[in-house]
Amino acid sequence: MISLSGMSINLASQPFRRERAQNAAFAIICLALTCSLLVLITLFLHARARAADLRRGIEAQRAELQRLQSEGARFSGILARPDNENVFSTSTFLNELIARRAVSWTRVFEDLATVMPSDVRLVGIRLPQVATEDSSGANRVQLDMFVGTDRPEAVVDLLTRLQQSALFGAAKVESQQPPTQNDPLYRYRMTVAYAQKL
């Protein structure tokens, strides 16, 4: 480098360039990319470990399901044996009998008397479905009733009263028969939900 009267002249074949700032920027960018790469690798390894845990959990649940299904099939096979079929049907009958005794027939007739119009006669009643007692202390059952009347409009009144009652639910007419020479009444078969308070 020659200095002529305050003027600097660089005579080098490749003049010096100011690359420090540029190199520092490149270093910062490389550092940021390296950090991003490390974060991505960590996330990938974490997701891979989680996926492996999920696969192990799914396999354990699948094995448990297969075990329960084979155990259920074994129990079904035991119940299907001819010597156990009678025991199973007897057990079902006894359970239904116990559940039916939990419903008081006296209370059924008393509750029906509160909603039955004077010109509708209760001909018959059955208890085909017995449900378990719910948390409110009520036996929820489905009554199958046969009623007779000389006025069909009275059945509409009965249906309205049943639906408005807190003890009975939605009522449905299943079938009807017109009067005959031997029976002058219109006969209806209806089902209604009933919740008996214990």
C-alpha atoms as a PDB file:
ATOM      1  CA  MET A   1       0.000   0.000   0.000  1.00  0.00           C
ATOM      2  CA  ILE A   2       1.476   3.374  -1.044  1.00  0.00           C
ATOM      3  CA  SER A   3       0.410   6.652   0.409  1.00  0.00           C
ATOM      4  CA  LEU A   4       0.779   9.670  -1.851  1.00  0.00           C
ATOM      5  CA  SER A   5       0.062  12.980  -0.294  1.00  0.00           C
ATOM      6  CA  GLY A   6      -2.696  11.733   1.921  1.00  0.00           C
ATOM      7  CA  MET A   7      -4.126   9.372  -0.664  1.00  0.00           C
ATOM      8  CA  SER A   8      -3.993   5.576  -0.064  1.00  0.00           C
ATOM      9  CA  ILE A   9      -3.548   3.308  -3.026  1.00  0.00           C
ATOM     10  CA  ASN A  10      -3.864  -0.473  -2.627  1.00  0.00           C
ATOM     11  CA  LEU A  11      -1.559  -2.172  -5.133  1.00  0.00           C
ATOM     12  CA  ALA A  12      -2.393  -5.763  -4.081  1.00  0.00           C
ATOM     13  CA  SER A  13      -3.511  -8.142  -6.820  1.00  0.00           C
ATOM     14  CA  GLN A  14      -6.589  -9.084  -4.712  1.00  0.00           C
ATOM     15  CA  PRO A  15      -7.692  -6.127  -2.686  1.00  0.00           C
ATOM     16  CA  PHE A  16      -8.852  -6.740   0.949  1.00  0.00           C
ATOM     17  CA  ARG A  17     -12.658  -6.848   1.305  1.00  0.00           C
ATOM     18  CA  ARG A  18     -14.591  -6.172   4.512  1.00  0.00           C
ATOM     19  CA  GLU A  19     -16.106  -9.633   5.054  1.00  0.00           C
ATOM     20  CA  ARG A  20     -16.299  -9.690   8.860  1.00  0.00           C
ATOM     21  CA  ALA A  21     -19.913  -8.444   9.032  1.00  0.00           C
ATOM     22  CA  GLN A  22     -20.953 -10.804   6.263  1.00  0.00           C
ATOM     23  CA  ASN A  23     -19.222 -13.758   7.933  1.00  0.00           C
ATOM     24  CA  ALA A  24     -20.842 -12.892  11.276  1.00  0.00           C
ATOM     25  CA  ALA A  25     -24.296 -12.824   9.622  1.00  0.00           C
ATOM     26  CA  PHE A  26     -23.615 -16.200   7.983  1.00  0.00           C
ATOM     27  CA  ALA A  27     -22.485 -17.617  11.340  1.00  0.00           C
ATOM     28  CA  ILE A  28     -25.666 -16.393  13.055  1.00  0.00           C
ATOM     29  CA  ILE A  29     -27.813 -17.888  10.270  1.00  0.00           C
ATOM     30  CA  CYS A  30     -25.942 -21.207  10.504  1.00  0.00           C
ATOM     31  CA  LEU A  31     -26.365 -21.217  14.287  1.00  0.00           C
ATOM     32  CA  ALA A  32     -30.118 -20.541  13.965  1.00  0.00           C
ATOM     33  CA  LEU A  33     -30.487 -23.310  11.371  1.00  0.00           C
ATOM     34  CA  THR A  34     -28.533 -25.716  13.577  1.00  0.00           C
ATOM     35  CA  CYS A  35     -30.780 -24.891  16.563  1.00  0.00           C
ATOM     36  CA  SER A  36     -33.890 -25.386  14.401  1.00  0.00           C
ATOM     37  CA  LEU A  37     -32.522 -28.725  13.206  1.00  0.00           C
ATOM     38  CA  LEU A  38     -31.887 -29.834  16.798  1.00  0.00           C
ATOM     39  CA  VAL A  39     -35.422 -28.793  17.825  1.00  0.00           C
ATOM     40  CA  LEU A  40     -36.938 -30.661  14.873  1.00  0.00           C
ATOM     41  CA  ILE A  41     -34.889 -33.782  15.644  1.00  0.00           C
ATOM     42  CA  THR A  42     -36.008 -33.608  19.306  1.00  0.00           C
ATOM     43  CA  LEU A  43     -39.656 -33.230  18.275  1.00  0.00           C
ATOM     44  CA  PHE A  44     -39.354 -36.095  15.826  1.00  0.00           C
ATOM     45  CA  LEU A  45     -37.817 -38.400  18.439  1.00  0.00           C
ATOM     46  CA  HIS A  46     -40.483 -37.397  20.975  1.00  0.00           C
ATOM     47  CA  ALA A  47     -43.312 -38.048  18.466  1.00  0.00           C
ATOM     48  CA  ARG A  48     -41.735 -41.371  17.548  1.00  0.00           C
ATOM     49  CA  ALA A  49     -41.566 -42.397  21.211  1.00  0.00           C
ATOM     50  CA  ARG A  50     -45.207 -41.366  21.717  1.00  0.00           C
ATOM     51  CA  ALA A  51     -46.274 -43.319  18.638  1.00  0.00           C
ATOM     52  CA  ALA A  52     -44.442 -46.379  19.967  1.00  0.00           C
ATOM     53  CA  ASP A  53     -46.226 -45.997  23.331  1.00  0.00           C
ATOM     54  CA  LEU A  54     -49.588 -45.696  21.541  1.00  0.00           C
ATOM     55  CA  ARG A  55     -48.865 -48.791  19.469  1.00  0.00           C
ATOM     56  CA  ARG A  56     -47.976 -50.736  22.624  1.00  0.00           C
ATOM     57  CA  GLY A  57     -51.192 -49.513  24.310  1.00  0.00           C
ATOM     58  CA  ILE A  58     -53.295 -50.493  21.270  1.00  0.00           C
ATOM     59  CA  GLU A  59     -51.702 -53.932  21.172  1.00  0.00           C
ATOM     60  CA  ALA A  60     -52.362 -54.407  24.903  1.00  0.00           C
ATOM     61  CA  GLN A  61     -56.013 -53.353  24.467  1.00  0.00           C
ATOM     62  CA  ARG A  62     -56.375 -55.639  21.447  1.00  0.00           C
ATOM     63  CA  ALA A  63     -54.951 -58.558  23.399  1.00  0.00           C
ATOM     64  CA  GLU A  64     -57.334 -57.809  26.298  1.00  0.00           C
ATOM     65  CA  LEU A  65     -60.294 -57.624  23.873  1.00  0.00           C
ATOM     66  CA  GLN A  66     -59.364 -60.964  22.332  1.00  0.00           C
ATOM     67  CA  ARG A  67     -59.043 -62.485  25.795  1.00  0.00           C
ATOM     68  CA  LEU A  68     -62.476 -61.170  26.820  1.00  0.00           C
ATOM     69  CA  GLN A  69     -64.054 -62.335  23.558  1.00  0.00           C
ATOM     70  CA  SER A  70     -62.637 -65.834  23.948  1.00  0.00           C
ATOM     71  CA  GLU A  71     -63.793 -65.897  27.581  1.00  0.00           C
ATOM     72  CA  GLY A  72     -67.277 -64.718  26.508  1.00  0.00           C
ATOM     73  CA  ALA A  73     -67.388 -67.405  23.824  1.00  0.00           C
ATOM     74  CA  ARG A  74     -66.368 -70.008  26.422  1.00  0.00           C
ATOM     75  CA  PHE A  75     -69.138 -68.852  28.790  1.00  0.00           C
ATOM     76  CA  SER A  76     -71.679 -68.846  25.946  1.00  0.00           C
ATOM     77  CA  GLY A  77     -70.629 -72.379  25.112  1.00  0.00           C
ATOM     78  CA  ILE A  78     -71.134 -73.416  28.732  1.00  0.00           C
ATOM     79  CA  LEU A  79     -74.593 -71.815  28.829  1.00  0.00           C
ATOM     80  CA  ALA A  80     -75.554 -73.392  25.496  1.00  0.00           C
ATOM     81  CA  ARG A  81     -74.984 -76.912  26.774  1.00  0.00           C
ATOM     82  CA  PRO A  82     -78.234 -78.881  27.047  1.00  0.00           C
ATOM     83  CA  ASP A  83     -77.698 -79.637  30.745  1.00  0.00           C
ATOM     84  CA  ASN A  84     -77.249 -75.894  31.524  1.00  0.00           C
ATOM     85  CA  GLU A  85     -80.074 -74.597  29.349  1.00  0.00           C
ATOM     86  CA  ASN A  86     -82.728 -75.473  31.934  1.00  0.00           C
ATOM     87  CA  VAL A  87     -80.723 -73.809  34.717  1.00  0.00           C
ATOM     88  CA  PHE A  88     -80.365 -70.631  32.651  1.00  0.00           C
ATOM     89  CA  SER A  89     -84.065 -70.436  31.779  1.00  0.00           C
ATOM     90  CA  THR A  90     -85.016 -71.135  35.410  1.00  0.00           C
ATOM     91  CA  SER A  91     -82.648 -68.412  36.593  1.00  0.00           C
ATOM     92  CA  THR A  92     -84.131 -65.927  34.108  1.00  0.00           C
ATOM     93  CA  PHE A  93     -87.653 -66.844  35.192  1.00  0.00           C
ATOM     94  CA  LEU A  94     -86.799 -66.433  38.889  1.00  0.00           C
ATOM     95  CA  ASN A  95     -85.130 -63.065  38.287  1.00  0.00           C
ATOM     96  CA  GLU A  96     -88.205 -61.815  36.429  1.00  0.00           C
ATOM     97  CA  LEU A  97     -90.453 -63.151  39.194  1.00  0.00           C
ATOM     98  CA  ILE A  98     -88.437 -61.312  41.845  1.00  0.00           C
ATOM     99  CA  ALA A  99     -88.565 -58.102  39.791  1.00  0.00           C
ATOM    100  CA  ARG A 100     -92.335 -58.433  39.307  1.00  0.00           C
ATOM    101  CA  ARG A 101     -92.888 -58.846  43.039  1.00  0.00           C
ATOM    102  CA  ALA A 102     -91.105 -55.510  43.546  1.00  0.00           C
ATOM    103  CA  VAL A 103     -94.110 -53.851  41.848  1.00  0.00           C
ATOM    104  CA  SER A 104     -97.184 -53.592  44.055  1.00  0.00           C
ATOM    105  CA  TRP A 105    -100.323 -54.539  42.128  1.00  0.00           C
ATOM    106  CA  THR A 106    -102.449 -52.761  44.715  1.00  0.00           C
ATOM    107  CA  ARG A 107    -100.592 -49.526  43.970  1.00  0.00           C
ATOM    108  CA  VAL A 108    -100.959 -50.140  40.225  1.00  0.00           C
ATOM    109  CA  PHE A 109    -104.761 -50.320  40.535  1.00  0.00           C
ATOM    110  CA  GLU A 110    -104.873 -47.356  42.925  1.00  0.00           C
ATOM    111  CA  ASP A 111    -102.815 -45.215  40.535  1.00  0.00           C
ATOM    112  CA  LEU A 112    -104.914 -46.302  37.548  1.00  0.00           C
ATOM    113  CA  ALA A 113    -108.095 -45.348  39.435  1.00  0.00           C
ATOM    114  CA  THR A 114    -106.849 -41.747  39.626  1.00  0.00           C
ATOM    115  CA  VAL A 115    -106.723 -41.417  35.821  1.00  0.00           C
ATOM    116  CA  MET A 116    -109.427 -43.827  34.650  1.00  0.00           C
ATOM    117  CA  PRO A 117    -112.588 -42.059  33.378  1.00  0.00           C
ATOM    118  CA  SER A 118    -115.855 -43.303  34.874  1.00  0.00           C
ATOM    119  CA  ASP A 119    -117.112 -44.682  31.540  1.00  0.00           C
ATOM    120  CA  VAL A 120    -113.949 -46.733  30.820  1.00  0.00           C
ATOM    121  CA  ARG A 121    -113.623 -50.204  32.322  1.00  0.00           C
ATOM    122  CA  LEU A 122    -110.303 -51.981  32.921  1.00  0.00           C
ATOM    123  CA  VAL A 123    -110.762 -55.449  31.404  1.00  0.00           C
ATOM    124  CA  GLY A 124    -107.269 -56.847  31.863  1.00  0.00           C
ATOM    125  CA  ILE A 125    -103.699 -55.839  32.624  1.00  0.00           C
ATOM    126  CA  ARG A 126    -100.320 -57.495  32.150  1.00  0.00           C
ATOM    127  CA  LEU A 127     -96.762 -56.593  33.087  1.00  0.00           C
ATOM    128  CA  PRO A 128     -94.725 -57.819  30.096  1.00  0.00           C
ATOM    129  CA  GLN A 129     -91.583 -55.762  30.722  1.00  0.00           C
ATOM    130  CA  VAL A 130     -89.997 -55.201  34.105  1.00  0.00           C
ATOM    131  CA  ALA A 131     -87.205 -52.657  34.359  1.00  0.00           C
ATOM    132  CA  THR A 132     -84.830 -52.188  37.245  1.00  0.00           C
ATOM    133  CA  GLU A 133     -85.381 -49.588  39.916  1.00  0.00           C
ATOM    134  CA  ASP A 134     -83.868 -46.226  38.992  1.00  0.00           C
ATOM    135  CA  SER A 135     -82.105 -43.665  41.205  1.00  0.00           C
ATOM    136  CA  SER A 136     -85.351 -41.836  42.023  1.00  0.00           C
ATOM    137  CA  GLY A 137     -86.743 -44.909  43.793  1.00  0.00           C
ATOM    138  CA  ALA A 138     -89.329 -45.727  41.124  1.00  0.00           C
ATOM    139  CA  ASN A 139     -89.949 -49.061  39.436  1.00  0.00           C
ATOM    140  CA  ARG A 140     -90.237 -48.224  35.735  1.00  0.00           C
ATOM    141  CA  VAL A 141     -92.417 -50.767  33.959  1.00  0.00           C
ATOM    142  CA  GLN A 142     -94.501 -51.052  30.817  1.00  0.00           C
ATOM    143  CA  LEU A 143     -98.153 -51.858  31.450  1.00  0.00           C
ATOM    144  CA  ASP A 144    -100.123 -53.771  28.833  1.00  0.00           C
ATOM    145  CA  MET A 145    -103.796 -52.901  29.433  1.00  0.00           C
ATOM    146  CA  PHE A 146    -107.109 -53.978  27.947  1.00  0.00           C
ATOM    147  CA  VAL A 147    -109.951 -51.489  28.406  1.00  0.00           C
ATOM    148  CA  GLY A 148    -113.557 -51.397  27.294  1.00  0.00           C
ATOM    149  CA  THR A 149    -116.001 -48.521  26.813  1.00  0.00           C
ATOM    150  CA  ASP A 150    -119.286 -47.799  25.094  1.00  0.00           C
ATOM    151  CA  ARG A 151    -117.944 -44.416  23.875  1.00  0.00           C
ATOM    152  CA  PRO A 152    -114.716 -44.307  21.810  1.00  0.00           C
ATOM    153  CA  GLU A 153    -114.217 -40.664  22.881  1.00  0.00           C
ATOM    154  CA  ALA A 154    -113.650 -41.869  26.452  1.00  0.00           C
ATOM    155  CA  VAL A 155    -110.463 -43.652  25.358  1.00  0.00           C
ATOM    156  CA  VAL A 156    -109.099 -40.348  24.053  1.00  0.00           C
ATOM    157  CA  ASP A 157    -109.843 -38.858  27.485  1.00  0.00           C
ATOM    158  CA  LEU A 158    -107.999 -41.775  29.125  1.00  0.00           C
ATOM    159  CA  LEU A 159    -104.950 -41.301  26.880  1.00  0.00           C
ATOM    160  CA  THR A 160    -104.860 -37.586  27.722  1.00  0.00           C
ATOM    161  CA  ARG A 161    -105.078 -38.266  31.460  1.00  0.00           C
ATOM    162  CA  LEU A 162    -102.332 -40.900  31.286  1.00  0.00           C
ATOM    163  CA  GLN A 163     -99.969 -38.538  29.495  1.00  0.00           C
ATOM    164  CA  GLN A 164    -100.662 -35.689  31.911  1.00  0.00           C
ATOM    165  CA  SER A 165    -100.096 -37.872  34.975  1.00  0.00           C
ATOM    166  CA  ALA A 166     -96.713 -37.785  36.739  1.00  0.00           C
ATOM    167  CA  LEU A 167     -96.879 -41.554  37.287  1.00  0.00           C
ATOM    168  CA  PHE A 168     -97.616 -42.569  33.719  1.00  0.00           C
ATOM    169  CA  GLY A 169     -95.864 -41.753  30.475  1.00  0.00           C
ATOM    170  CA  ALA A 170     -96.706 -41.865  26.805  1.00  0.00           C
ATOM    171  CA  ALA A 171     -99.574 -44.240  26.058  1.00  0.00           C
ATOM    172  CA  LYS A 172    -100.073 -46.032  22.773  1.00  0.00           C
ATOM    173  CA  VAL A 173    -103.114 -47.856  21.402  1.00  0.00           C
ATOM    174  CA  GLU A 174    -101.921 -51.188  20.030  1.00  0.00           C
ATOM    175  CA  SER A 175    -105.249 -52.554  18.729  1.00  0.00           C
ATOM    176  CA  GLN A 176    -109.003 -52.043  18.911  1.00  0.00           C
ATOM    177  CA  GLN A 177    -112.125 -54.136  18.408  1.00  0.00           C
ATOM    178  CA  PRO A 178    -115.620 -52.869  17.611  1.00  0.00           C
ATOM    179  CA  PRO A 179    -118.638 -54.048  19.601  1.00  0.00           C
ATOM    180  CA  THR A 180    -120.152 -57.443  18.790  1.00  0.00           C
ATOM    181  CA  GLN A 181    -123.508 -59.054  19.560  1.00  0.00           C
ATOM    182  CA  ASN A 182    -122.060 -60.726  22.642  1.00  0.00           C
ATOM    183  CA  ASP A 183    -119.958 -57.737  23.767  1.00  0.00           C
ATOM    184  CA  PRO A 184    -121.436 -54.236  23.388  1.00  0.00           C
ATOM    185  CA  LEU A 185    -118.158 -52.484  24.349  1.00  0.00           C
ATOM    186  CA  TYR A 186    -115.422 -51.064  22.182  1.00  0.00           C
ATOM    187  CA  ARG A 187    -112.268 -52.877  23.319  1.00  0.00           C
ATOM    188  CA  TYR A 188    -108.783 -51.364  23.171  1.00  0.00           C
ATOM    189  CA  ARG A 189    -105.377 -52.770  23.933  1.00  0.00           C
ATOM    190  CA  MET A 190    -102.856 -50.107  24.963  1.00  0.00           C
ATOM    191  CA  THR A 191     -99.374 -49.884  26.445  1.00  0.00           C
ATOM    192  CA  VAL A 192     -98.231 -47.183  28.829  1.00  0.00           C
ATOM    193  CA  ALA A 193     -95.052 -46.460  30.782  1.00  0.00           C
ATOM    194  CA  TYR A 194     -95.543 -46.513  34.525  1.00  0.00           C
ATOM    195  CA  ALA A 195     -93.237 -45.359  37.323  1.00  0.00           C
ATOM    196  CA  GLN A 196     -94.336 -46.685  40.703  1.00  0.00           C
ATOM    197  CA  LYS A 197     -92.965 -44.866  43.725  1.00  0.00           C
ATOM    198  CA  LEU A 198     -91.695 -47.220  46.395  1.00  0.00           C
END
